[in-house]
């Protein structure tokens, strides 16, 4: 049974084989056990090595250019220390102060260059503070008499004019902060904590584009399992595993994370040789769709086929059984930091509307206050808040599984498919980007029966970050190791597919 796989219009990464990805990767241990074990496999090719390592203390790194601010700042720290010692030894305290100043300026420049988000926001903040200072600083003039000007003119003419100008400047500055700085705030903070910044996402796409020029056919990894349940029903499970070089969800749709490498899966369950359900991976979790309600591809004659249509989401590559556009601050229970940032963004926008001189804006905020006066601290308190132009004021994460882009697999009657337009939801940076798509629209199938060596790799398929959600994922077989856990467990969808089915059916009801 072949899948009909559709992606959003602006999607830039497509399902690929793991070998070209591994050829581009560097390999690192993330712990003492991993480092010790790695010594016995130093000269082996990576594609064979990773399957023979027993520990999970490893990670791959796809983008290896010196763009990581962590790498650059480490080098800056070492060179700065050497420079400070030399300055103190040869020039004394004055030269040392100069060297330290140069180091701090260089650190700020490196910090900004590591990501376009930082390059936009940091200078904007400095400019904003500068103009704010210009507005506040002259107030000392009115604390002492001005020569040749009477006190009456000073306090009844100049002071009101100055206060009006200062108020205008403060309001415009606040407007600039709310409209230009705060919407980027969550992305900026996540970007600073991540090892997969916006710039890394763009570099990953350029590397992937080079791979795509040589390997033009989309790939899925197929796996067939046969099991019998307690009621002696015979089950056949057809698993389709998809690997992507990068998850650029934050850049593409204001999503929760970025990370190198991305594993997703779709499974068709047949009960007693009859299609029963479609199971889809979504952000480490999953969803289920009864076969009767699954959208199937339509052939050229308008007849429904047995090919299920899968809608992959923009950037995140989560799989859906229907075209969806989801907007939520708590999508798939992200980390507390992300959820707080989106709530705080909403609170600031709300306060700005509340104190805005615009009558319509103030009425909007007052109406919101009356409707949710007790729920201001709730996570979703401001997600529906709109401004006077009827636009949402909070830039929440979007899951755009619109199905209006590239199609892989059975090519039927496209006009009779369910799709949504994604263009109105796209961030400008995605709308302007040219996308290089695979030349082939047919799947290349690679079976995982028997399992290749790389399936046994327990480490991460991307660079390791301080934030769990910003780290590369584990492979299709292994689960992410949890806190206080000694060993890595197999994914339930890999080792116990009927248990995964039972879990999702229970959640559905």
Protein backbone atom coordinates (compact mmCIF):
# COMPACT_ATOMS: atom_id res chain seq x y z
CA UNK A 1 0.00 0.00 0.00
CA UNK A 2 1.51 3.31 -1.10
CA UNK A 3 1.07 6.60 0.74
CA UNK A 4 0.13 9.82 -0.97
CA UNK A 5 2.21 12.36 0.93
CA UNK A 6 1.52 16.09 0.59
CA UNK A 7 3.47 18.96 2.10
CA UNK A 8 2.81 22.70 2.51
CA UNK A 9 3.84 25.06 -0.25
CA UNK A 10 6.86 26.57 1.54
CA UNK A 11 8.30 23.35 2.97
CA UNK A 12 12.02 23.16 2.20
CA UNK A 13 13.03 19.78 3.64
CA UNK A 14 11.74 16.48 2.25
CA UNK A 15 12.02 12.82 3.31
CA UNK A 16 15.50 11.56 2.49
CA UNK A 17 17.88 8.65 3.00
CA UNK A 18 20.11 8.67 6.07
CA UNK A 19 23.38 7.86 4.25
CA UNK A 20 23.83 11.26 2.51
CA UNK A 21 22.98 12.96 5.80
CA UNK A 22 25.58 10.94 7.70
CA UNK A 23 28.20 11.76 5.07
CA UNK A 24 27.82 15.44 6.02
CA UNK A 25 27.76 14.89 9.77
CA UNK A 26 30.41 15.14 12.44
CA UNK A 27 30.12 12.75 15.37
CA UNK A 28 30.62 13.61 19.04
CA UNK A 29 30.35 11.85 22.40
CA UNK A 30 28.16 13.56 24.99
CA UNK A 31 29.42 11.73 28.07
CA UNK A 32 32.34 9.85 29.58
CA UNK A 33 30.98 6.40 28.68
CA UNK A 34 30.46 7.43 25.08
CA UNK A 35 33.94 8.95 24.82
CA UNK A 36 35.57 5.79 26.20
CA UNK A 37 33.61 3.50 23.88
CA UNK A 38 34.36 5.64 20.85
CA UNK A 39 38.10 4.93 21.10
CA UNK A 40 37.58 1.34 19.94
CA UNK A 41 35.75 2.47 16.77
CA UNK A 42 37.79 5.49 15.68
CA UNK A 43 38.72 4.30 12.18
CA UNK A 44 35.35 2.87 11.19
CA UNK A 45 33.03 4.66 8.73
CA UNK A 46 30.27 6.54 10.51
CA UNK A 47 27.46 4.59 8.82
CA UNK A 48 28.81 1.36 10.36
CA UNK A 49 30.19 2.82 13.56
CA UNK A 50 26.96 4.25 14.95
CA UNK A 51 25.20 0.90 14.80
CA UNK A 52 27.89 -0.85 16.84
CA UNK A 53 28.05 1.60 19.71
CA UNK A 54 26.13 0.45 22.78
CA UNK A 55 25.89 3.75 24.66
CA UNK A 56 23.36 6.50 23.96
CA UNK A 57 25.91 9.23 24.83
CA UNK A 58 26.46 10.52 21.31
CA UNK A 59 25.11 13.11 18.93
CA UNK A 60 25.50 13.98 15.27
CA UNK A 61 26.14 17.48 13.95
CA UNK A 62 24.91 18.24 10.44
CA UNK A 63 25.99 21.89 10.05
CA UNK A 64 29.71 22.08 10.80
CA UNK A 65 30.56 25.58 9.62
CA UNK A 66 31.85 27.96 12.34
CA UNK A 67 28.45 29.54 12.85
CA UNK A 68 27.62 28.26 16.29
CA UNK A 69 27.95 31.17 18.67
CA UNK A 70 29.05 28.70 21.36
CA UNK A 71 32.07 27.64 19.28
CA UNK A 72 32.95 31.21 18.35
CA UNK A 73 32.58 32.49 21.91
CA UNK A 74 34.78 29.69 23.26
CA UNK A 75 37.53 30.71 20.85
CA UNK A 76 36.97 34.36 21.73
CA UNK A 77 37.23 33.53 25.43
CA UNK A 78 40.53 31.70 25.00
CA UNK A 79 42.04 34.41 22.79
CA UNK A 80 40.74 37.16 25.07
CA UNK A 81 42.35 35.57 28.11
CA UNK A 82 45.69 35.38 26.30
CA UNK A 83 45.28 38.98 25.13
CA UNK A 84 44.43 40.23 28.63
CA UNK A 85 47.49 38.57 30.13
CA UNK A 86 49.70 40.04 27.42
CA UNK A 87 48.11 43.48 27.85
CA UNK A 88 48.65 43.43 31.62
CA UNK A 89 52.22 42.21 31.28
CA UNK A 90 53.31 44.64 28.55
CA UNK A 91 51.01 47.64 28.97
CA UNK A 92 49.57 47.75 32.45
CA UNK A 93 46.05 48.56 33.62
CA UNK A 94 45.16 51.05 30.86
CA UNK A 95 45.98 48.63 28.04
CA UNK A 96 44.18 45.84 29.92
CA UNK A 97 41.00 47.95 30.10
CA UNK A 98 41.26 48.63 26.37
CA UNK A 99 41.73 44.92 25.62
CA UNK A 100 38.74 44.00 27.78
CA UNK A 101 36.58 46.61 26.04
CA UNK A 102 37.57 45.25 22.62
CA UNK A 103 36.77 41.71 23.79
CA UNK A 104 33.30 42.73 25.01
CA UNK A 105 32.54 44.51 21.73
CA UNK A 106 33.73 41.46 19.78
CA UNK A 107 31.56 39.19 21.95
CA UNK A 108 28.49 41.34 21.25
CA UNK A 109 29.22 41.31 17.50
CA UNK A 110 29.67 37.52 17.50
CA UNK A 111 26.48 37.15 19.52
CA UNK A 112 24.53 39.17 16.94
CA UNK A 113 26.10 37.54 13.88
CA UNK A 114 25.16 34.08 15.13
CA UNK A 115 21.53 34.67 14.18
CA UNK A 116 19.49 37.08 12.03
CA UNK A 117 17.00 37.38 14.90
CA UNK A 118 19.70 38.78 17.16
CA UNK A 119 21.09 40.92 14.35
CA UNK A 120 17.67 42.56 14.01
CA UNK A 121 16.75 42.91 17.65
CA UNK A 122 19.93 43.91 19.49
CA UNK A 123 20.70 47.06 17.40
CA UNK A 124 17.00 47.96 17.54
CA UNK A 125 17.07 47.84 21.33
CA UNK A 126 20.18 50.04 21.47
CA UNK A 127 18.60 52.55 19.07
CA UNK A 128 15.39 52.54 21.07
CA UNK A 129 17.25 53.18 24.34
CA UNK A 130 19.25 55.97 22.70
CA UNK A 131 16.14 57.82 21.51
CA UNK A 132 14.46 57.19 24.84
CA UNK A 133 17.44 58.82 26.53
CA UNK A 134 17.17 61.80 24.22
CA UNK A 135 13.57 62.21 25.30
CA UNK A 136 14.23 62.03 29.04
CA UNK A 137 17.61 63.73 29.42
CA UNK A 138 16.54 67.40 28.80
CA UNK A 139 14.24 67.36 31.85
CA UNK A 140 17.10 68.76 33.95
CA UNK A 141 16.65 72.04 32.05
CA UNK A 142 13.41 72.68 33.91
CA UNK A 143 14.95 72.10 37.32
CA UNK A 144 16.85 75.41 37.14
CA UNK A 145 16.09 78.85 35.70
CA UNK A 146 16.87 79.43 32.02
CA UNK A 147 18.68 82.75 31.35
CA UNK A 148 16.66 85.44 29.54
CA UNK A 149 13.42 83.40 29.80
CA UNK A 150 10.78 84.13 32.41
CA UNK A 151 9.55 81.41 34.72
CA UNK A 152 5.99 81.83 33.39
CA UNK A 153 7.04 81.14 29.79
CA UNK A 154 9.29 78.31 30.91
CA UNK A 155 6.61 76.48 32.91
CA UNK A 156 3.45 77.41 31.01
CA UNK A 157 4.76 77.25 27.44
CA UNK A 158 7.98 75.27 27.12
CA UNK A 159 7.22 72.65 29.78
CA UNK A 160 3.79 71.61 28.35
CA UNK A 161 5.29 71.42 24.84
CA UNK A 162 8.17 69.35 26.16
CA UNK A 163 5.86 67.03 28.11
CA UNK A 164 3.65 66.48 25.06
CA UNK A 165 6.68 65.68 22.91
CA UNK A 166 8.05 63.40 25.61
CA UNK A 167 4.69 61.61 25.94
CA UNK A 168 4.51 61.18 22.18
CA UNK A 169 8.06 59.82 22.10
CA UNK A 170 7.35 57.40 24.93
CA UNK A 171 4.14 56.14 23.30
CA UNK A 172 5.86 55.68 19.94
CA UNK A 173 8.77 53.93 21.63
CA UNK A 174 6.40 51.63 23.47
CA UNK A 175 4.55 50.98 20.22
CA UNK A 176 7.84 50.10 18.56
CA UNK A 177 8.72 47.70 21.39
CA UNK A 178 5.34 45.98 21.29
CA UNK A 179 5.11 45.71 17.52
CA UNK A 180 8.73 45.02 16.58
CA UNK A 181 10.53 43.62 19.61
CA UNK A 182 8.11 41.55 21.69
CA UNK A 183 6.78 39.41 18.81
CA UNK A 184 10.36 38.28 18.21
CA UNK A 185 11.06 37.84 21.92
CA UNK A 186 10.15 34.15 22.30
CA UNK A 187 12.13 33.29 19.19
CA UNK A 188 15.10 35.34 20.38
CA UNK A 189 15.26 33.66 23.79
CA UNK A 190 14.83 30.18 22.31
CA UNK A 191 17.43 31.08 19.71
CA UNK A 192 19.94 32.08 22.39
CA UNK A 193 19.46 28.80 24.25
CA UNK A 194 19.48 26.67 21.12
CA UNK A 195 22.27 25.09 19.13
CA UNK A 196 20.01 25.26 16.06
CA UNK A 197 19.48 28.95 15.40
CA UNK A 198 17.72 30.62 12.49
CA UNK A 199 21.06 30.94 10.72
CA UNK A 200 21.82 27.26 11.27
CA UNK A 201 18.40 26.42 9.80
CA UNK A 202 19.25 28.33 6.64
CA UNK A 203 22.69 26.75 6.39
CA UNK A 204 21.12 23.32 6.87
CA UNK A 205 18.83 24.03 3.94
CA UNK A 206 21.79 24.96 1.72
CA UNK A 207 23.55 21.73 2.65
CA UNK A 208 20.38 19.74 2.09
CA UNK A 209 19.94 21.39 -1.31
CA UNK A 210 23.35 20.07 -2.35
CA UNK A 211 22.31 16.58 -1.24
CA UNK A 212 19.05 16.91 -3.14
CA UNK A 213 20.90 17.67 -6.38
CA UNK A 214 22.51 14.21 -6.18
CA UNK A 215 19.69 12.28 -4.52
CA UNK A 216 16.52 13.53 -6.19
CA UNK A 217 14.06 10.89 -5.06
CA UNK A 218 12.13 11.12 -1.75
CA UNK A 219 12.68 8.13 0.52
CA UNK A 220 10.62 6.26 3.05
CA UNK A 221 11.76 3.37 5.21
CA UNK A 222 9.22 0.57 5.27
CA UNK A 223 8.74 -1.99 8.01
CA UNK A 224 6.18 -4.80 8.16
CA UNK A 225 5.08 -6.45 11.42
CA UNK A 226 2.62 -9.25 12.03
CA UNK A 227 1.10 -9.84 15.44
CA UNK A 228 -1.80 -11.65 17.08
CA UNK A 229 -3.73 -10.06 19.94
CA UNK A 230 -5.38 -11.72 22.96
CA UNK A 231 -8.60 -12.26 20.99
CA UNK A 232 -6.62 -14.03 18.26
CA UNK A 233 -7.12 -11.26 15.74
CA UNK A 234 -4.37 -11.20 13.15
CA UNK A 235 -2.73 -7.82 12.68
CA UNK A 236 -0.48 -6.60 9.91
CA UNK A 237 1.22 -3.28 10.61
CA UNK A 238 2.75 -1.35 7.73
CA UNK A 239 5.12 1.29 9.09
CA UNK A 240 6.45 4.16 6.98
CA UNK A 241 9.40 6.00 8.55
CA UNK A 242 10.49 9.40 7.21
CA UNK A 243 13.78 11.13 7.90
CA UNK A 244 14.36 14.87 7.42
CA UNK A 245 17.68 16.71 7.63
CA UNK A 246 16.26 19.54 9.73
CA UNK A 247 13.17 20.63 11.64
CA UNK A 248 12.81 24.38 10.98
CA UNK A 249 9.43 24.82 12.64
CA UNK A 250 10.34 28.04 14.48
CA UNK A 251 11.61 29.74 11.34
CA UNK A 252 8.80 28.44 9.15
CA UNK A 253 5.72 28.85 11.34
CA UNK A 254 6.79 30.47 14.62
CA UNK A 255 6.92 26.99 16.11
CA UNK A 256 8.32 25.73 19.38
CA UNK A 257 11.70 24.49 18.25
CA UNK A 258 14.48 23.97 15.75
CA UNK A 259 16.64 20.89 15.63
CA UNK A 260 18.88 18.95 13.29
CA UNK A 261 17.46 15.65 12.12
CA UNK A 262 13.80 14.69 12.32
CA UNK A 263 12.15 11.27 12.40
CA UNK A 264 8.42 10.89 11.71
CA UNK A 265 6.24 7.87 11.07
CA UNK A 266 2.89 6.79 9.64
CA UNK A 267 1.45 3.30 10.18
CA UNK A 268 -1.43 1.50 8.50
CA UNK A 269 -3.01 -1.20 10.69
CA UNK A 270 -4.78 -4.12 9.04
CA UNK A 271 -7.02 -6.26 11.25
CA UNK A 272 -7.70 -9.73 9.87
CA UNK A 273 -6.40 -8.53 6.49
CA UNK A 274 -8.77 -5.53 6.36
CA UNK A 275 -7.63 -1.89 6.79
CA UNK A 276 -8.50 -0.80 10.32
CA UNK A 277 -6.78 2.48 11.23
CA UNK A 278 -4.14 5.01 10.32
CA UNK A 279 -1.69 6.07 13.05
CA UNK A 280 0.38 9.23 12.68
CA UNK A 281 3.34 10.59 14.62
CA UNK A 282 3.03 14.16 15.92
CA UNK A 283 5.77 15.78 18.00
CA UNK A 284 6.76 12.70 19.94
CA UNK A 285 3.12 11.75 20.44
CA UNK A 286 0.59 10.43 17.94
CA UNK A 287 -2.92 10.48 16.56
CA UNK A 288 -5.29 7.88 15.17
CA UNK A 289 -7.80 8.00 12.34
CA UNK A 290 -10.31 5.22 11.67
CA UNK A 291 -9.87 3.84 8.17
CA UNK A 292 -13.44 4.72 7.21
CA UNK A 293 -12.75 8.43 7.74
CA UNK A 294 -9.25 8.52 6.23
CA UNK A 295 -8.98 10.70 3.13
CA UNK A 296 -7.94 8.54 0.19
CA UNK A 297 -6.42 9.69 -3.07
CA UNK A 298 -8.76 9.88 -6.06
CA UNK A 299 -7.67 8.50 -9.43
CA UNK A 300 -8.01 10.20 -12.81
CA UNK A 301 -11.48 8.73 -13.26
CA UNK A 302 -12.69 10.21 -9.97
CA UNK A 303 -12.74 6.91 -8.08
CA UNK A 304 -11.45 6.62 -4.53
CA UNK A 305 -8.33 4.48 -4.18
CA UNK A 306 -6.80 2.70 -1.18
CA UNK A 307 -3.92 5.19 -0.97
CA UNK A 308 -4.26 7.26 2.24
CA UNK A 309 -3.44 10.97 1.95
CA UNK A 310 -0.98 12.18 4.60
CA UNK A 311 -0.64 15.90 5.32
CA UNK A 312 2.79 16.85 6.66
CA UNK A 313 3.09 20.09 8.63
CA UNK A 314 5.32 22.98 7.62
CA UNK A 315 8.70 22.86 9.35
CA UNK A 316 7.72 20.39 12.07
CA UNK A 317 6.82 17.56 9.63
CA UNK A 318 4.16 16.25 12.02
CA UNK A 319 1.64 14.09 10.17
CA UNK A 320 -2.10 14.73 9.89
CA UNK A 321 -4.93 12.83 8.27
CA UNK A 322 -6.73 16.01 7.19
CA UNK A 323 -5.60 19.49 6.14
CA UNK A 324 -5.14 21.52 9.32
CA UNK A 325 -3.99 24.95 10.47
CA UNK A 326 -3.64 25.00 14.25
CA UNK A 327 -2.78 28.07 16.31
CA UNK A 328 -2.03 27.45 19.97
CA UNK A 329 0.36 28.51 22.78
CA UNK A 330 0.44 25.04 24.33
CA UNK A 331 0.73 22.90 21.23
CA UNK A 332 1.87 19.43 22.26
CA UNK A 333 2.90 20.54 25.78
CA UNK A 334 6.13 22.42 25.01
CA UNK A 335 8.51 23.47 27.74
CA UNK A 336 7.46 25.86 30.48
CA UNK A 337 9.77 28.57 29.17
CA UNK A 338 8.12 28.63 25.74
CA UNK A 339 4.63 28.70 27.23
CA UNK A 340 5.54 31.54 29.61
CA UNK A 341 7.05 33.59 26.79
CA UNK A 342 3.90 33.37 24.69
CA UNK A 343 1.72 34.27 27.69
CA UNK A 344 3.96 37.24 28.55
CA UNK A 345 3.86 38.40 24.93
CA UNK A 346 0.06 38.37 25.14
CA UNK A 347 0.06 40.27 28.46
CA UNK A 348 2.26 43.06 27.08
CA UNK A 349 0.11 43.42 23.97
CA UNK A 350 -3.00 43.46 26.14
CA UNK A 351 -1.65 46.22 28.40
CA UNK A 352 -0.63 48.24 25.36
CA UNK A 353 -4.17 48.02 24.00
CA UNK A 354 -5.59 48.88 27.42
CA UNK A 355 -3.59 52.12 27.73
CA UNK A 356 -3.66 52.98 24.04
CA UNK A 357 -5.23 56.41 23.29
CA UNK A 358 -7.08 54.77 20.39
CA UNK A 359 -10.70 54.40 21.52
CA UNK A 360 -11.32 51.18 19.59
CA UNK A 361 -8.17 49.54 20.90
CA UNK A 362 -9.06 50.46 24.47
CA UNK A 363 -12.60 49.09 24.07
CA UNK A 364 -11.15 45.82 22.78
CA UNK A 365 -8.93 45.50 25.85
CA UNK A 366 -11.73 46.46 28.27
CA UNK A 367 -14.03 43.91 26.69
CA UNK A 368 -11.33 41.28 27.08
CA UNK A 369 -10.84 42.32 30.71
CA UNK A 370 -14.54 41.97 31.50
CA UNK A 371 -14.72 38.60 29.76
CA UNK A 372 -11.62 37.11 31.38
CA UNK A 373 -10.99 39.16 34.50
CA UNK A 374 -10.34 36.03 36.55
CA UNK A 375 -8.39 34.16 33.88
CA UNK A 376 -5.62 36.65 33.10
CA UNK A 377 -3.04 34.23 34.51
CA UNK A 378 -4.34 31.37 32.38
CA UNK A 379 -2.00 30.17 29.67
CA UNK A 380 -4.51 30.81 26.90
CA UNK A 381 -5.81 34.14 28.28
CA UNK A 382 -4.74 36.26 25.31
CA UNK A 383 -4.65 33.89 22.36
CA UNK A 384 -7.86 35.26 20.82
CA UNK A 385 -7.07 38.93 21.44
CA UNK A 386 -7.15 41.04 18.26
CA UNK A 387 -6.16 44.65 17.61
CA UNK A 388 -8.16 47.41 15.96
CA UNK A 389 -7.18 46.03 12.54
CA UNK A 390 -8.74 42.67 13.52
CA UNK A 391 -5.36 40.91 13.57
CA UNK A 392 -4.23 38.55 16.30
CA UNK A 393 -1.82 40.47 18.52
CA UNK A 394 0.14 37.44 19.74
CA UNK A 395 2.28 35.52 17.25
CA UNK A 396 1.51 32.01 18.44
CA UNK A 397 3.00 28.82 17.03
CA UNK A 398 1.27 27.52 13.92
CA UNK A 399 0.93 23.98 12.70
CA UNK A 400 0.36 24.40 8.96
CA UNK A 401 -0.55 21.06 7.40
CA UNK A 402 -2.26 22.61 4.40
CA UNK A 403 -1.41 20.11 1.68
CA UNK A 404 -1.01 22.79 -1.00
CA UNK A 405 2.61 22.01 -1.89
CA UNK A 406 4.79 19.17 -3.13
CA UNK A 407 3.19 15.73 -3.57
CA UNK A 408 4.90 12.36 -3.34
CA UNK A 409 3.43 9.01 -4.28
CA UNK A 410 0.22 8.21 -6.12
CA UNK A 411 -0.59 11.05 -8.52
CA UNK A 412 -4.35 11.12 -8.91
CA UNK A 413 -6.88 13.87 -9.49
CA UNK A 414 -5.34 16.79 -7.60
CA UNK A 415 -8.41 18.99 -8.05
CA UNK A 416 -10.50 16.63 -5.92
CA UNK A 417 -8.17 16.65 -2.93
CA UNK A 418 -8.80 18.49 0.33
CA UNK A 419 -6.30 21.36 0.68
CA UNK A 420 -5.93 24.68 2.46
CA UNK A 421 -4.02 27.74 1.30
CA UNK A 422 -0.92 28.26 3.42
CA UNK A 423 0.28 31.56 1.93
CA UNK A 424 -1.76 33.74 4.31
CA UNK A 425 -0.16 32.04 7.32
CA UNK A 426 3.46 32.11 6.21
CA UNK A 427 6.08 34.29 7.81
CA UNK A 428 7.65 36.74 5.36
CA UNK A 429 11.01 35.01 5.56
CA UNK A 430 9.36 31.82 4.28
CA UNK A 431 7.24 33.50 1.62
CA UNK A 432 10.31 35.07 0.02
CA UNK A 433 12.44 31.93 0.00
CA UNK A 434 12.84 29.89 -3.15
CA UNK A 435 12.38 26.18 -2.61
CA UNK A 436 14.35 23.49 -4.43
CA UNK A 437 12.14 20.41 -4.59
CA UNK A 438 12.95 16.80 -5.47
CA UNK A 439 12.81 16.11 -9.19
CA UNK A 440 11.01 12.81 -8.67
CA UNK A 441 7.51 12.50 -7.24
CA UNK A 442 7.81 8.75 -6.74
CA UNK A 443 8.87 7.13 -3.49
CA UNK A 444 12.10 5.23 -3.13
CA UNK A 445 11.28 2.44 -0.69
CA UNK A 446 13.95 1.02 1.61
CA UNK A 447 12.91 -1.87 3.84
CA UNK A 448 13.96 -2.13 7.47
CA UNK A 449 13.39 -5.89 7.47
CA UNK A 450 16.09 -6.91 8.35
CA UNK A 451 17.30 -3.92 10.33
CA UNK A 452 20.36 -2.08 8.98
CA UNK A 453 23.18 -1.27 11.40
CA UNK A 454 22.27 2.40 11.83
CA UNK A 455 18.87 1.47 13.30
CA UNK A 456 20.70 0.29 16.43
CA UNK A 457 22.16 3.77 17.04
CA UNK A 458 20.81 5.06 20.37
CA UNK A 459 22.23 8.58 20.24
CA UNK A 460 20.79 11.79 18.83
CA UNK A 461 20.43 12.43 15.11
CA UNK A 462 21.33 16.10 15.49
CA UNK A 463 23.36 18.45 17.62
CA UNK A 464 22.72 18.34 21.36
CA UNK A 465 21.31 21.51 22.91
CA UNK A 466 20.78 22.78 26.44
CA UNK A 467 17.05 22.49 25.80
CA UNK A 468 15.67 19.01 25.31
CA UNK A 469 13.27 20.07 22.54
CA UNK A 470 16.08 21.83 20.66
CA UNK A 471 18.27 18.72 20.55
CA UNK A 472 18.27 16.28 17.68
CA UNK A 473 15.84 13.37 18.04
CA UNK A 474 16.67 9.73 18.68
CA UNK A 475 16.24 7.31 15.79
CA UNK A 476 13.13 5.40 14.72
CA UNK A 477 13.74 2.52 17.12
CA UNK A 478 14.86 4.20 20.33
CA UNK A 479 13.13 6.59 22.68
CA UNK A 480 14.68 9.69 24.21
CA UNK A 481 16.31 8.87 27.54
CA UNK A 482 14.45 10.33 30.49
CA UNK A 483 15.73 11.84 33.71
CA UNK A 484 17.09 9.29 36.22
CA UNK A 485 16.74 6.57 33.57
CA UNK A 486 19.68 4.16 33.34
CA UNK A 487 19.17 2.75 29.85
CA UNK A 488 17.33 3.71 26.69
CA UNK A 489 14.02 2.03 25.92
CA UNK A 490 12.67 1.17 22.52
CA UNK A 491 9.85 3.34 21.21
CA UNK A 492 6.48 1.79 21.92
CA UNK A 493 5.46 2.25 18.29
CA UNK A 494 8.49 0.19 17.25
CA UNK A 495 8.50 -2.63 19.78
CA UNK A 496 4.82 -2.81 20.83
CA UNK A 497 2.72 -1.44 17.97
CA UNK A 498 -0.52 -2.92 19.32
CA UNK A 499 0.08 -1.20 22.66
CA UNK A 500 0.56 2.09 20.81
CA UNK A 501 -2.72 1.48 19.00
CA UNK A 502 -4.49 0.78 22.30
CA UNK A 503 -3.07 3.95 23.87
CA UNK A 504 -4.22 6.17 21.02
CA UNK A 505 -7.66 4.54 20.91
CA UNK A 506 -8.01 5.18 24.62
CA UNK A 507 -7.06 8.85 24.18
CA UNK A 508 -9.48 9.15 21.27
CA UNK A 509 -12.36 8.04 23.46
